[in-house]
Protein backbone atom coordinates (compact mmCIF):
# COMPACT_ATOMS: atom_id res chain seq x y z
CA UNK A 1 0.00 0.00 0.00
CA UNK A 2 1.29 3.46 -0.93
CA UNK A 3 2.30 5.85 1.81
CA UNK A 4 -0.90 7.81 2.68
CA UNK A 5 1.14 11.00 3.29
CA UNK A 6 2.84 13.30 0.75
CA UNK A 7 6.55 12.58 0.52
CA UNK A 8 7.27 16.30 0.29
CA UNK A 9 4.92 18.16 2.65
CA UNK A 10 3.79 15.15 4.74
CA UNK A 11 0.13 16.06 4.32
CA UNK A 12 -2.40 13.25 3.80
CA UNK A 13 -2.92 12.34 0.14
CA UNK A 14 -6.42 12.34 -1.35
CA UNK A 15 -8.09 9.11 -2.43
CA UNK A 16 -7.65 10.10 -6.07
CA UNK A 17 -3.89 10.55 -5.60
CA UNK A 18 -3.63 7.26 -3.74
CA UNK A 19 -5.60 5.49 -6.48
CA UNK A 20 -3.05 6.74 -9.03
CA UNK A 21 -0.21 5.60 -6.75
CA UNK A 22 1.16 9.13 -6.47
CA UNK A 23 3.78 9.86 -3.84
CA UNK A 24 3.19 13.61 -3.75
CA UNK A 25 0.12 15.83 -3.55
CA UNK A 26 -0.80 17.80 -6.63
CA UNK A 27 0.74 21.08 -5.42
CA UNK A 28 4.02 19.44 -4.48
CA UNK A 29 4.14 17.54 -7.77
CA UNK A 30 3.72 20.80 -9.73
CA UNK A 31 6.39 22.50 -7.60
CA UNK A 32 8.77 19.56 -8.08
CA UNK A 33 8.33 19.70 -11.86
CA UNK A 34 8.97 23.44 -11.85
CA UNK A 35 12.11 22.99 -9.78
CA UNK A 36 13.28 20.22 -12.09
CA UNK A 37 12.89 22.45 -15.14
CA UNK A 38 14.75 25.20 -13.30
CA UNK A 39 17.65 22.87 -12.47
CA UNK A 40 17.78 21.67 -16.09
CA UNK A 41 17.88 25.27 -17.32
CA UNK A 42 20.62 26.22 -14.88
CA UNK A 43 22.71 23.26 -16.03
CA UNK A 44 22.20 24.16 -19.70
CA UNK A 45 23.33 27.79 -19.37
CA UNK A 46 26.48 27.01 -17.39
CA UNK A 47 29.48 27.22 -19.71
CA UNK A 48 33.19 27.59 -19.04
CA UNK A 49 33.43 30.03 -16.07
CA UNK A 50 29.86 31.35 -16.54
CA UNK A 51 27.57 29.92 -13.84
CA UNK A 52 23.85 29.90 -13.12
CA UNK A 53 24.47 32.48 -10.40
CA UNK A 54 26.00 34.77 -13.03
CA UNK A 55 22.91 34.29 -15.20
CA UNK A 56 20.46 35.29 -12.47
CA UNK A 57 22.65 38.20 -11.35
CA UNK A 58 22.62 39.48 -14.93
CA UNK A 59 18.86 38.84 -15.16
CA UNK A 60 18.21 41.02 -12.11
CA UNK A 61 20.52 43.77 -13.38
CA UNK A 62 18.43 43.92 -16.59
CA UNK A 63 15.24 44.34 -14.59
CA UNK A 64 13.96 40.88 -15.45
CA UNK A 65 13.41 41.62 -19.15
CA UNK A 66 15.15 41.24 -22.48
CA UNK A 67 18.13 43.60 -22.84
CA UNK A 68 16.79 45.04 -26.12
CA UNK A 69 14.96 48.36 -25.79
CA UNK A 70 11.14 48.13 -25.26
CA UNK A 71 11.13 44.32 -25.48
CA UNK A 72 8.69 42.93 -22.90
CA UNK A 73 10.00 39.34 -22.79
CA UNK A 74 10.51 38.50 -19.13
CA UNK A 75 11.69 34.91 -19.40
CA UNK A 76 8.76 33.57 -17.36
CA UNK A 77 7.19 31.46 -20.11
CA UNK A 78 10.49 30.89 -21.95
CA UNK A 79 13.88 31.59 -20.43
CA UNK A 80 15.96 34.40 -21.88
CA UNK A 81 18.88 33.41 -24.08
CA UNK A 82 22.51 34.08 -23.22
CA UNK A 83 23.63 36.43 -26.00
CA UNK A 84 27.38 36.35 -26.53
CA UNK A 85 30.15 37.29 -28.94
CA UNK A 86 30.76 34.34 -31.28
CA UNK A 87 34.19 35.74 -32.17
CA UNK A 88 35.47 35.30 -28.62
CA UNK A 89 39.20 34.51 -28.57
CA UNK A 90 39.27 32.63 -25.26
CA UNK A 91 39.62 29.29 -27.06
CA UNK A 92 36.25 27.67 -26.28
CA UNK A 93 33.55 26.40 -28.64
CA UNK A 94 32.00 29.41 -30.48
CA UNK A 95 28.55 27.96 -29.75
CA UNK A 96 29.23 28.28 -26.00
CA UNK A 97 30.18 31.29 -23.89
CA UNK A 98 32.33 32.55 -21.05
CA UNK A 99 32.25 35.61 -18.81
CA UNK A 100 34.37 37.54 -21.30
CA UNK A 101 32.08 37.10 -24.32
CA UNK A 102 28.64 37.24 -22.66
CA UNK A 103 26.94 40.52 -23.61
CA UNK A 104 23.49 40.14 -22.04
CA UNK A 105 20.25 38.18 -21.92
CA UNK A 106 17.82 38.52 -24.81
CA UNK A 107 14.68 36.82 -26.04
CA UNK A 108 15.16 34.17 -28.73
CA UNK A 109 13.83 36.50 -31.46
CA UNK A 110 16.33 39.29 -30.79
CA UNK A 111 19.12 36.78 -30.30
CA UNK A 112 18.37 35.44 -33.78
CA UNK A 113 18.34 38.97 -35.23
CA UNK A 114 21.79 39.65 -33.83
CA UNK A 115 23.06 36.32 -35.10
CA UNK A 116 21.73 36.92 -38.61
CA UNK A 117 23.67 40.20 -38.84
CA UNK A 118 26.92 38.44 -38.00
CA UNK A 119 27.29 40.63 -34.88
CA UNK A 120 27.85 43.66 -37.14
CA UNK A 121 26.50 46.86 -35.50
CA UNK A 122 26.73 48.73 -38.82
CA UNK A 123 23.71 46.78 -40.05
CA UNK A 124 21.60 48.04 -37.17
CA UNK A 125 22.89 51.58 -37.79
CA UNK A 126 21.74 51.30 -41.40
CA UNK A 127 18.34 49.96 -40.28
CA UNK A 128 17.91 52.93 -37.93
CA UNK A 129 18.85 55.34 -40.72
CA UNK A 130 16.40 53.58 -43.04
CA UNK A 131 13.53 53.97 -40.56
CA UNK A 132 14.34 57.61 -39.83
CA UNK A 133 14.61 58.59 -43.50
CA UNK A 134 12.76 56.04 -45.67
CA UNK A 135 13.98 56.23 -49.28
CA UNK A 136 10.43 56.07 -50.61
CA UNK A 137 9.69 59.48 -49.13
CA UNK A 138 12.16 61.13 -51.48
CA UNK A 139 11.90 58.70 -54.39
CA UNK A 140 8.12 58.34 -54.67
CA UNK A 141 6.64 61.43 -53.06
CA UNK A 142 7.30 65.09 -53.67
CA UNK A 143 6.19 66.17 -50.21
CA UNK A 144 5.15 64.43 -47.01
CA UNK A 145 3.90 66.32 -43.95
CA UNK A 146 2.49 65.00 -40.69
CA UNK A 147 0.50 66.72 -37.94
CA UNK A 148 -2.57 66.41 -35.76
CA UNK A 149 -6.10 66.98 -37.08
CA UNK A 150 -6.06 70.75 -36.62
CA UNK A 151 -2.63 71.19 -38.24
CA UNK A 152 -3.62 68.96 -41.15
CA UNK A 153 -6.84 70.87 -41.82
CA UNK A 154 -4.97 74.18 -41.64
CA UNK A 155 -2.41 72.93 -44.18
CA UNK A 156 -5.15 71.74 -46.54
CA UNK A 157 -6.91 75.10 -46.27
CA UNK A 158 -3.88 77.40 -46.48
CA UNK A 159 -1.69 75.59 -49.00
CA UNK A 160 -4.19 73.71 -51.16
CA UNK A 161 -7.14 76.16 -51.05
CA UNK A 162 -9.51 73.49 -49.73
CA UNK A 163 -12.45 74.73 -47.68
CA UNK A 164 -12.50 74.04 -43.96
CA UNK A 165 -15.55 71.80 -44.35
CA UNK A 166 -13.93 69.71 -47.08
CA UNK A 167 -10.68 69.56 -45.12
CA UNK A 168 -12.52 68.22 -42.07
CA UNK A 169 -14.31 65.65 -44.23
CA UNK A 170 -10.98 64.49 -45.66
CA UNK A 171 -9.47 64.10 -42.18
CA UNK A 172 -12.53 62.23 -40.88
CA UNK A 173 -12.56 60.01 -43.96
CA UNK A 174 -8.88 59.14 -43.53
CA UNK A 175 -9.49 57.94 -39.98
CA UNK A 176 -12.77 56.09 -40.52
CA UNK A 177 -12.47 54.66 -44.05
CA UNK A 178 -8.91 55.09 -45.23
CA UNK A 179 -6.80 57.22 -47.55
CA UNK A 180 -8.32 58.46 -50.80
CA UNK A 181 -6.64 60.71 -53.38
CA UNK A 182 -7.95 64.19 -54.04
CA UNK A 183 -6.86 66.25 -57.05
CA UNK A 184 -5.39 69.70 -56.42
CA UNK A 185 -4.10 72.29 -58.92
CA UNK A 186 -0.49 71.01 -58.89
CA UNK A 187 -1.04 67.30 -58.33
CA UNK A 188 -2.82 64.89 -56.02
CA UNK A 189 -2.91 64.78 -52.21
CA UNK A 190 -3.73 61.84 -49.96
CA UNK A 191 -4.50 62.03 -46.23
CA UNK A 192 -3.36 59.03 -44.20
CA UNK A 193 -4.23 58.40 -40.55
CA UNK A 194 -1.21 57.32 -38.51
CA UNK A 195 -1.90 55.30 -35.37
CA UNK A 196 0.81 55.62 -32.71
CA UNK A 197 0.88 52.45 -30.53
CA UNK A 198 0.46 52.76 -26.76
CA UNK A 199 -0.34 56.48 -26.95
CA UNK A 200 -3.39 58.68 -27.33
CA UNK A 201 -1.75 60.85 -29.98
CA UNK A 202 -3.28 61.15 -33.44
CA UNK A 203 -1.29 62.06 -36.52
CA UNK A 204 -2.37 62.61 -40.09
CA UNK A 205 -0.01 62.51 -43.03
CA UNK A 206 -0.40 64.59 -46.19
CA UNK A 207 1.23 62.93 -49.18
CA UNK A 208 1.53 64.99 -52.34
CA UNK A 209 2.24 63.14 -55.57
CA UNK A 210 2.48 64.07 -59.23
CA UNK A 211 -0.78 64.85 -61.06
CA UNK A 212 -2.42 62.23 -63.23
CA UNK A 213 -2.89 63.05 -66.91
CA UNK A 214 -4.15 61.32 -70.02
CA UNK A 215 -1.86 60.02 -72.75
CA UNK A 216 -2.00 63.23 -74.83
CA UNK A 217 -1.00 65.42 -71.88
CA UNK A 218 1.69 62.88 -70.91
CA UNK A 219 3.18 63.06 -74.39
CA UNK A 220 3.27 66.86 -74.20
CA UNK A 221 5.02 66.67 -70.83
CA UNK A 222 7.63 64.25 -72.20
CA UNK A 223 8.21 66.59 -75.14
CA UNK A 224 8.99 69.33 -72.59
CA UNK A 225 11.68 67.08 -71.12
CA UNK A 226 13.36 66.81 -74.52
CA UNK A 227 12.16 63.36 -75.63
CA UNK A 228 11.42 62.77 -79.30
CA UNK A 229 7.92 61.71 -80.36
CA UNK A 230 9.00 58.16 -81.08
CA UNK A 231 10.86 57.80 -77.79
CA UNK A 232 8.01 59.37 -75.79
CA UNK A 233 5.43 57.00 -77.28
CA UNK A 234 7.69 54.02 -76.65
CA UNK A 235 8.14 55.10 -73.01
CA UNK A 236 4.37 55.42 -72.48
CA UNK A 237 3.74 52.01 -74.07
CA UNK A 238 6.34 50.42 -71.82
CA UNK A 239 4.74 52.01 -68.74
CA UNK A 240 1.33 50.76 -69.91
CA UNK A 241 2.72 47.21 -70.18
CA UNK A 242 4.73 47.05 -66.96
CA UNK A 243 3.05 49.67 -64.77
CA UNK A 244 6.14 51.86 -64.51
CA UNK A 245 8.97 52.94 -66.77
CA UNK A 246 12.06 55.11 -66.37
CA UNK A 247 13.76 57.03 -69.16
CA UNK A 248 16.69 59.41 -69.09
CA UNK A 249 16.57 62.98 -70.33
CA UNK A 250 18.71 66.08 -70.13
CA UNK A 251 17.23 66.98 -66.74
CA UNK A 252 17.66 63.55 -65.12
CA UNK A 253 15.59 60.38 -64.86
CA UNK A 254 11.89 60.60 -65.73
CA UNK A 255 9.62 58.07 -64.02
CA UNK A 256 6.36 57.29 -65.81
CA UNK A 257 3.63 55.46 -63.86
CA UNK A 258 0.49 54.01 -65.42
CA UNK A 259 -2.67 54.33 -63.27
CA UNK A 260 -5.24 52.53 -65.41
CA UNK A 261 -8.29 53.98 -67.13
CA UNK A 262 -9.73 57.31 -66.13
CA UNK A 263 -12.69 59.37 -67.26
CA UNK A 264 -13.88 58.61 -70.81
CA UNK A 265 -11.78 55.43 -70.70
CA UNK A 266 -8.56 57.38 -71.29
CA UNK A 267 -5.22 55.99 -70.15
CA UNK A 268 -3.93 57.86 -67.10
CA UNK A 269 -0.26 58.48 -66.32
CA UNK A 270 1.80 60.41 -63.81
CA UNK A 271 5.24 61.75 -64.69
CA UNK A 272 7.91 62.66 -62.14
CA UNK A 273 11.54 63.67 -62.55
């Protein structure tokens, strides 16, 4: 007959636990499994002169979260990874670590990111520069402005001669339905609603792009850039086939974009240089 008391806390076992021939109560069994997983983790992270005590000291110094900025991983559901310099010259296996090459504790996702870059900080510098100044803002758009609802409506009214009522409708439409282009004298503007996570701030973006024109007006514009009639027609046909085409002229590179059929079934293009 099994011992009627828990081998851990010495409390009497229930009939269900005795029927299953369990030696511990449910709470003690869960605690024992948790402690076993903890011991297995501590054994797995020990390497060279880096011990489990070093791991938990580093964990506390990081505030119990991943070392990467704003990452919320706390290691409670999945332990944080020991992130280290794989080019360590202390003579051990590059897949393991020592006190010299350990850099911090990160979640598995950020540890993989660092590994994929080959531990090259220049890649992260280039990513930061890319996010701060996206190339599409200068390559695809003539102007991009961002502001709250009042600033956006004032810009639409003052710079694009749009009435206050229409400007408010455009801002409301951008937030409720989505962006929609609106023709203005010198091109087309689109209002985009920008949601900022974990804040109550609201931003609206005004994107100004080149005006859309039919094929006759597009040909005239290409003539102004110095293209011959044959070359201009060939460029428009190529844009119609592929959606976009680039040709060189005396003033630089002309980008021709095909936008489908417009009013009266005419082919619509936009031309930017």
